[in-house]
PDB file of all heavy atoms in Angstrom:
ATOM      1  N   GLU A   1      58.011  21.272  51.327  1.00  0.00           N
ATOM      2  CA  GLU A   1      57.031  22.303  51.672  1.00  0.00           C
ATOM      3  C   GLU A   1      56.176  21.948  52.878  1.00  0.00           C
ATOM      4  O   GLU A   1      55.359  22.756  53.311  1.00  0.00           O
ATOM      5  CB  GLU A   1      56.131  22.574  50.466  1.00  0.00           C
ATOM      6  CG  GLU A   1      56.855  23.205  49.284  1.00  0.00           C
ATOM      7  CD  GLU A   1      55.957  23.356  48.078  1.00  0.00           C
ATOM      8  OE1 GLU A   1      54.790  22.909  48.163  1.00  0.00           O
ATOM      9  OE2 GLU A   1      56.405  23.917  47.056  1.00  0.00           O
ATOM     10  N   ILE A   2      56.334  20.738  53.415  1.00  0.00           N
ATOM     11  CA  ILE A   2      55.555  20.338  54.589  1.00  0.00           C
ATOM     12  C   ILE A   2      56.003  21.164  55.789  1.00  0.00           C
ATOM     13  O   ILE A   2      57.209  21.266  56.071  1.00  0.00           O
ATOM     14  CB  ILE A   2      55.739  18.839  54.878  1.00  0.00           C
ATOM     15  CG1 ILE A   2      55.191  18.007  53.707  1.00  0.00           C
ATOM     16  CG2 ILE A   2      55.042  18.442  56.172  1.00  0.00           C
ATOM     17  CD1 ILE A   2      55.416  16.525  53.865  1.00  0.00           C
ATOM     18  N   PRO A   3      55.079  21.786  56.534  1.00  0.00           N
ATOM     19  CA  PRO A   3      55.463  22.615  57.690  1.00  0.00           C
ATOM     20  C   PRO A   3      56.210  21.807  58.738  1.00  0.00           C
ATOM     21  O   PRO A   3      55.975  20.605  58.906  1.00  0.00           O
ATOM     22  CB  PRO A   3      54.106  23.110  58.230  1.00  0.00           C
ATOM     23  CG  PRO A   3      53.174  22.995  57.072  1.00  0.00           C
ATOM     24  CD  PRO A   3      53.631  21.820  56.282  1.00  0.00           C
ATOM     25  N   PRO A   4      57.117  22.445  59.445  1.00  0.00           N
ATOM     26  CA  PRO A   4      57.885  21.733  60.485  1.00  0.00           C
ATOM     27  C   PRO A   4      57.012  21.102  61.561  1.00  0.00           C
ATOM     28  O   PRO A   4      57.388  20.081  62.141  1.00  0.00           O
ATOM     29  CB  PRO A   4      58.782  22.835  61.070  1.00  0.00           C
ATOM     30  CG  PRO A   4      58.884  23.863  59.979  1.00  0.00           C
ATOM     31  CD  PRO A   4      57.565  23.828  59.267  1.00  0.00           C
ATOM     32  N   ALA A   5      55.854  21.701  61.828  1.00  0.00           N
ATOM     33  CA  ALA A   5      54.981  21.139  62.867  1.00  0.00           C
ATOM     34  C   ALA A   5      54.534  19.725  62.514  1.00  0.00           C
ATOM     35  O   ALA A   5      54.420  18.860  63.399  1.00  0.00           O
ATOM     36  CB  ALA A   5      53.765  22.044  63.061  1.00  0.00           C
ATOM     37  N   PHE A   6      54.286  19.487  61.239  1.00  0.00           N
ATOM     38  CA  PHE A   6      53.887  18.153  60.820  1.00  0.00           C
ATOM     39  C   PHE A   6      55.080  17.209  60.735  1.00  0.00           C
ATOM     40  O   PHE A   6      54.929  15.998  60.927  1.00  0.00           O
ATOM     41  CB  PHE A   6      53.167  18.216  59.474  1.00  0.00           C
ATOM     42  CG  PHE A   6      51.802  18.830  59.542  1.00  0.00           C
ATOM     43  CD1 PHE A   6      51.568  20.098  59.058  1.00  0.00           C
ATOM     44  CD2 PHE A   6      50.750  18.140  60.108  1.00  0.00           C
ATOM     45  CE1 PHE A   6      50.308  20.673  59.120  1.00  0.00           C
ATOM     46  CE2 PHE A   6      49.489  18.690  60.184  1.00  0.00           C
ATOM     47  CZ  PHE A   6      49.256  19.969  59.689  1.00  0.00           C
ATOM     48  N   ARG A   7      56.250  17.743  60.431  1.00  0.00           N
ATOM     49  CA  ARG A   7      57.428  16.884  60.360  1.00  0.00           C
ATOM     50  C   ARG A   7      57.744  16.252  61.709  1.00  0.00           C
ATOM     51  O   ARG A   7      58.263  15.141  61.787  1.00  0.00           O
ATOM     52  CB  ARG A   7      58.639  17.681  59.870  1.00  0.00           C
ATOM     53  CG  ARG A   7      58.551  18.085  58.410  1.00  0.00           C
ATOM     54  CD  ARG A   7      59.807  18.853  57.995  1.00  0.00           C
ATOM     55  NE  ARG A   7      59.737  19.228  56.596  1.00  0.00           N
ATOM     56  CZ  ARG A   7      60.100  18.431  55.593  1.00  0.00           C
ATOM     57  NH1 ARG A   7      60.547  17.209  55.865  1.00  0.00           N
ATOM     58  NH2 ARG A   7      60.016  18.838  54.347  1.00  0.00           N
ATOM     59  N   ASN A   8      57.423  16.968  62.788  1.00  0.00           N
ATOM     60  CA  ASN A   8      57.686  16.464  64.133  1.00  0.00           C
ATOM     61  C   ASN A   8      56.531  15.643  64.700  1.00  0.00           C
ATOM     62  O   ASN A   8      56.650  15.137  65.823  1.00  0.00           O
ATOM     63  CB  ASN A   8      57.983  17.641  65.076  1.00  0.00           C
ATOM     64  CG  ASN A   8      59.216  18.420  64.637  1.00  0.00           C
ATOM     65  OD1 ASN A   8      60.164  17.855  64.111  1.00  0.00           O
ATOM     66  ND2 ASN A   8      59.192  19.736  64.864  1.00  0.00           N
ATOM     67  N   ASP A   9      55.447  15.531  63.956  1.00  0.00           N
ATOM     68  CA  ASP A   9      54.291  14.771  64.413  1.00  0.00           C
ATOM     69  C   ASP A   9      54.483  13.291  64.055  1.00  0.00           C
ATOM     70  O   ASP A   9      54.722  12.945  62.891  1.00  0.00           O
ATOM     71  CB  ASP A   9      53.019  15.300  63.751  1.00  0.00           C
ATOM     72  CG  ASP A   9      51.759  14.711  64.360  1.00  0.00           C
ATOM     73  OD1 ASP A   9      51.870  13.736  65.146  1.00  0.00           O
ATOM     74  OD2 ASP A   9      50.659  15.213  64.051  1.00  0.00           O
ATOM     75  N   LYS A  10      54.397  12.420  65.052  1.00  0.00           N
ATOM     76  CA  LYS A  10      54.602  10.992  64.798  1.00  0.00           C
ATOM     77  C   LYS A  10      53.519  10.418  63.889  1.00  0.00           C
ATOM     78  O   LYS A  10      53.755   9.444  63.159  1.00  0.00           O
ATOM     79  CB  LYS A  10      54.627  10.226  66.122  1.00  0.00           C
ATOM     80  CG  LYS A  10      53.337  10.315  66.922  1.00  0.00           C
ATOM     81  CD  LYS A  10      53.450   9.553  68.223  1.00  0.00           C
ATOM     82  CE  LYS A  10      52.163   9.652  69.039  1.00  0.00           C
ATOM     83  NZ  LYS A  10      50.995   9.058  68.344  1.00  0.00           N
ATOM     84  N   ASP A  11      52.322  11.018  63.909  1.00  0.00           N
ATOM     85  CA  ASP A  11      51.239  10.511  63.060  1.00  0.00           C
ATOM     86  C   ASP A  11      51.474  10.800  61.585  1.00  0.00           C
ATOM     87  O   ASP A  11      50.895  10.152  60.726  1.00  0.00           O
ATOM     88  CB  ASP A  11      49.907  11.135  63.482  1.00  0.00           C
ATOM     89  CG  ASP A  11      49.477  10.699  64.875  1.00  0.00           C
ATOM     90  OD1 ASP A  11      49.994   9.660  65.339  1.00  0.00           O
ATOM     91  OD2 ASP A  11      48.650  11.387  65.489  1.00  0.00           O
ATOM     92  N   ALA A  12      52.323  11.792  61.297  1.00  0.00           N
ATOM     93  CA  ALA A  12      52.544  12.172  59.907  1.00  0.00           C
ATOM     94  C   ALA A  12      53.309  11.112  59.125  1.00  0.00           C
ATOM     95  O   ALA A  12      53.312  11.123  57.894  1.00  0.00           O
ATOM     96  CB  ALA A  12      53.280  13.502  59.830  1.00  0.00           C
ATOM     97  N   ARG A  13      53.970  10.189  59.826  1.00  0.00           N
ATOM     98  CA  ARG A  13      54.731   9.139  59.164  1.00  0.00           C
ATOM     99  C   ARG A  13      53.981   7.812  59.113  1.00  0.00           C
ATOM    100  O   ARG A  13      54.534   6.798  58.669  1.00  0.00           O
ATOM    101  CB  ARG A  13      56.087   8.943  59.860  1.00  0.00           C
ATOM    102  CG  ARG A  13      56.993  10.167  59.756  1.00  0.00           C
ATOM    103  CD  ARG A  13      58.359   9.891  60.334  1.00  0.00           C
ATOM    104  NE  ARG A  13      59.234  11.047  60.144  1.00  0.00           N
ATOM    105  CZ  ARG A  13      59.966  11.252  59.051  1.00  0.00           C
ATOM    106  NH1 ARG A  13      59.929  10.373  58.051  1.00  0.00           N
ATOM    107  NH2 ARG A  13      60.733  12.325  58.961  1.00  0.00           N
ATOM    108  N   ILE A  14      52.739   7.800  59.556  1.00  0.00           N
ATOM    109  CA  ILE A  14      51.954   6.566  59.591  1.00  0.00           C
ATOM    110  C   ILE A  14      51.267   6.355  58.245  1.00  0.00           C
ATOM    111  O   ILE A  14      50.638   7.268  57.701  1.00  0.00           O
ATOM    112  CB  ILE A  14      50.904   6.619  60.719  1.00  0.00           C
ATOM    113  CG1 ILE A  14      51.595   6.627  62.081  1.00  0.00           C
ATOM    114  CG2 ILE A  14      49.942   5.435  60.619  1.00  0.00           C
ATOM    115  CD1 ILE A  14      50.640   6.733  63.237  1.00  0.00           C
ATOM    116  N   ASN A  15      51.378   5.153  57.728  1.00  0.00           N
ATOM    117  CA  ASN A  15      50.654   4.770  56.518  1.00  0.00           C
ATOM    118  C   ASN A  15      49.277   4.267  56.938  1.00  0.00           C
ATOM    119  O   ASN A  15      49.115   3.117  57.354  1.00  0.00           O
ATOM    120  CB  ASN A  15      51.425   3.683  55.762  1.00  0.00           C
ATOM    121  CG  ASN A  15      50.704   3.237  54.504  1.00  0.00           C
ATOM    122  OD1 ASN A  15      49.744   3.872  54.056  1.00  0.00           O
ATOM    123  ND2 ASN A  15      51.147   2.134  53.923  1.00  0.00           N
ATOM    124  N   THR A  16      48.285   5.123  56.853  1.00  0.00           N
ATOM    125  CA  THR A  16      46.951   4.794  57.364  1.00  0.00           C
ATOM    126  C   THR A  16      46.184   3.840  56.460  1.00  0.00           C
ATOM    127  O   THR A  16      45.054   3.480  56.790  1.00  0.00           O
ATOM    128  CB  THR A  16      46.129   6.081  57.560  1.00  0.00           C
ATOM    129  OG1 THR A  16      46.086   6.812  56.320  1.00  0.00           O
ATOM    130  CG2 THR A  16      46.748   6.959  58.624  1.00  0.00           C
ATOM    131  N   THR A  17      46.755   3.428  55.329  1.00  0.00           N
ATOM    132  CA  THR A  17      46.085   2.439  54.480  1.00  0.00           C
ATOM    133  C   THR A  17      46.440   1.011  54.880  1.00  0.00           C
ATOM    134  O   THR A  17      45.949   0.067  54.259  1.00  0.00           O
ATOM    135  CB  THR A  17      46.445   2.650  53.003  1.00  0.00           C
ATOM    136  OG1 THR A  17      47.862   2.486  52.826  1.00  0.00           O
ATOM    137  CG2 THR A  17      46.038   4.036  52.544  1.00  0.00           C
ATOM    138  N   GLN A  18      47.287   0.833  55.893  1.00  0.00           N
ATOM    139  CA  GLN A  18      47.591  -0.508  56.380  1.00  0.00           C
ATOM    140  C   GLN A  18      46.394  -1.058  57.146  1.00  0.00           C
ATOM    141  O   GLN A  18      45.638  -0.321  57.776  1.00  0.00           O
ATOM    142  CB  GLN A  18      48.825  -0.484  57.278  1.00  0.00           C
ATOM    143  CG  GLN A  18      50.105  -0.114  56.546  1.00  0.00           C
ATOM    144  CD  GLN A  18      51.308  -0.061  57.469  1.00  0.00           C
ATOM    145  OE1 GLN A  18      51.162   0.019  58.697  1.00  0.00           O
ATOM    146  NE2 GLN A  18      52.502  -0.086  56.889  1.00  0.00           N
ATOM    147  N   TRP A  19      46.245  -2.382  57.136  1.00  0.00           N
ATOM    148  CA  TRP A  19      45.045  -3.005  57.683  1.00  0.00           C
ATOM    149  C   TRP A  19      44.899  -2.795  59.185  1.00  0.00           C
ATOM    150  O   TRP A  19      43.788  -2.739  59.697  1.00  0.00           O
ATOM    151  CB  TRP A  19      45.034  -4.499  57.353  1.00  0.00           C
ATOM    152  CG  TRP A  19      44.622  -4.759  55.947  1.00  0.00           C
ATOM    153  CD1 TRP A  19      45.416  -5.074  54.896  1.00  0.00           C
ATOM    154  CD2 TRP A  19      43.290  -4.671  55.419  1.00  0.00           C
ATOM    155  NE1 TRP A  19      44.671  -5.200  53.748  1.00  0.00           N
ATOM    156  CE2 TRP A  19      43.370  -4.965  54.041  1.00  0.00           C
ATOM    157  CE3 TRP A  19      42.051  -4.383  55.985  1.00  0.00           C
ATOM    158  CZ2 TRP A  19      42.238  -4.968  53.221  1.00  0.00           C
ATOM    159  CZ3 TRP A  19      40.926  -4.388  55.173  1.00  0.00           C
ATOM    160  CH2 TRP A  19      41.031  -4.685  53.813  1.00  0.00           C
ATOM    161  N   ARG A  20      46.008  -2.662  59.885  1.00  0.00           N
ATOM    162  CA  ARG A  20      45.868  -2.454  61.335  1.00  0.00           C
ATOM    163  C   ARG A  20      45.258  -1.094  61.642  1.00  0.00           C
ATOM    164  O   ARG A  20      44.593  -0.921  62.666  1.00  0.00           O
ATOM    165  CB  ARG A  20      47.221  -2.593  62.021  1.00  0.00           C
ATOM    166  CG  ARG A  20      48.296  -1.634  61.517  1.00  0.00           C
ATOM    167  CD  ARG A  20      49.561  -1.798  62.338  1.00  0.00           C
ATOM    168  NE  ARG A  20      50.644  -0.962  61.816  1.00  0.00           N
ATOM    169  CZ  ARG A  20      51.803  -0.832  62.436  1.00  0.00           C
ATOM    170  NH1 ARG A  20      52.024  -1.443  63.580  1.00  0.00           N
ATOM    171  NH2 ARG A  20      52.746  -0.067  61.906  1.00  0.00           N
ATOM    172  N   TYR A  21      45.482  -0.104  60.779  1.00  0.00           N
ATOM    173  CA  TYR A  21      44.862   1.208  60.973  1.00  0.00           C
ATOM    174  C   TYR A  21      43.465   1.260  60.362  1.00  0.00           C
ATOM    175  O   TYR A  21      42.673   2.124  60.721  1.00  0.00           O
ATOM    176  CB  TYR A  21      45.739   2.297  60.354  1.00  0.00           C
ATOM    177  CG  TYR A  21      47.094   2.405  60.996  1.00  0.00           C
ATOM    178  CD1 TYR A  21      48.231   1.960  60.330  1.00  0.00           C
ATOM    179  CD2 TYR A  21      47.238   2.931  62.267  1.00  0.00           C
ATOM    180  CE1 TYR A  21      49.483   2.041  60.925  1.00  0.00           C
ATOM    181  CE2 TYR A  21      48.492   3.017  62.866  1.00  0.00           C
ATOM    182  CZ  TYR A  21      49.610   2.565  62.189  1.00  0.00           C
ATOM    183  OH  TYR A  21      50.842   2.641  62.793  1.00  0.00           O
ATOM    184  N   LEU A  22      43.161   0.335  59.459  1.00  0.00           N
ATOM    185  CA  LEU A  22      41.821   0.271  58.879  1.00  0.00           C
ATOM    186  C   LEU A  22      40.820  -0.405  59.812  1.00  0.00           C
ATOM    187  O   LEU A  22      39.628  -0.099  59.775  1.00  0.00           O
ATOM    188  CB  LEU A  22      41.855  -0.479  57.547  1.00  0.00           C
ATOM    189  CG  LEU A  22      42.629   0.161  56.394  1.00  0.00           C
ATOM    190  CD1 LEU A  22      42.608  -0.756  55.179  1.00  0.00           C
ATOM    191  CD2 LEU A  22      42.037   1.514  56.037  1.00  0.00           C
ATOM    192  N   LEU A  23      41.306  -1.327  60.650  1.00  0.00           N
ATOM    193  CA  LEU A  23      40.393  -2.143  61.448  1.00  0.00           C
ATOM    194  C   LEU A  23      40.542  -1.966  62.952  1.00  0.00           C
ATOM    195  O   LEU A  23      39.591  -2.230  63.691  1.00  0.00           O
ATOM    196  CB  LEU A  23      40.596  -3.632  61.105  1.00  0.00           C
ATOM    197  CG  LEU A  23      40.296  -4.039  59.662  1.00  0.00           C
ATOM    198  CD1 LEU A  23      40.656  -5.496  59.451  1.00  0.00           C
ATOM    199  CD2 LEU A  23      38.833  -3.800  59.317  1.00  0.00           C
ATOM    200  N   LEU A  24      41.697  -1.531  63.426  1.00  0.00           N
ATOM    201  CA  LEU A  24      41.944  -1.441  64.862  1.00  0.00           C
ATOM    202  C   LEU A  24      41.973   0.012  65.314  1.00  0.00           C
ATOM    203  O   LEU A  24      42.322   0.903  64.529  1.00  0.00           O
ATOM    204  CB  LEU A  24      43.275  -2.116  65.212  1.00  0.00           C
ATOM    205  CG  LEU A  24      43.393  -3.601  64.864  1.00  0.00           C
ATOM    206  CD1 LEU A  24      44.786  -4.122  65.208  1.00  0.00           C
ATOM    207  CD2 LEU A  24      42.330  -4.417  65.588  1.00  0.00           C
ATOM    208  N   PRO A  25      41.631   0.277  66.567  1.00  0.00           N
ATOM    209  CA  PRO A  25      41.695   1.664  67.066  1.00  0.00           C
ATOM    210  C   PRO A  25      43.141   2.115  67.225  1.00  0.00           C
ATOM    211  O   PRO A  25      44.050   1.314  67.460  1.00  0.00           O
ATOM    212  CB  PRO A  25      40.981   1.578  68.421  1.00  0.00           C
ATOM    213  CG  PRO A  25      41.150   0.159  68.843  1.00  0.00           C
ATOM    214  CD  PRO A  25      41.129  -0.660  67.588  1.00  0.00           C
TER     215      PRO A  25
END
């Protein structure tokens, strides 16, 4: 059910709970 616009977004596949995304820009 995820819209195609998000499927093509590279950010949609990022696991933002990883420490590099928690601490780094």
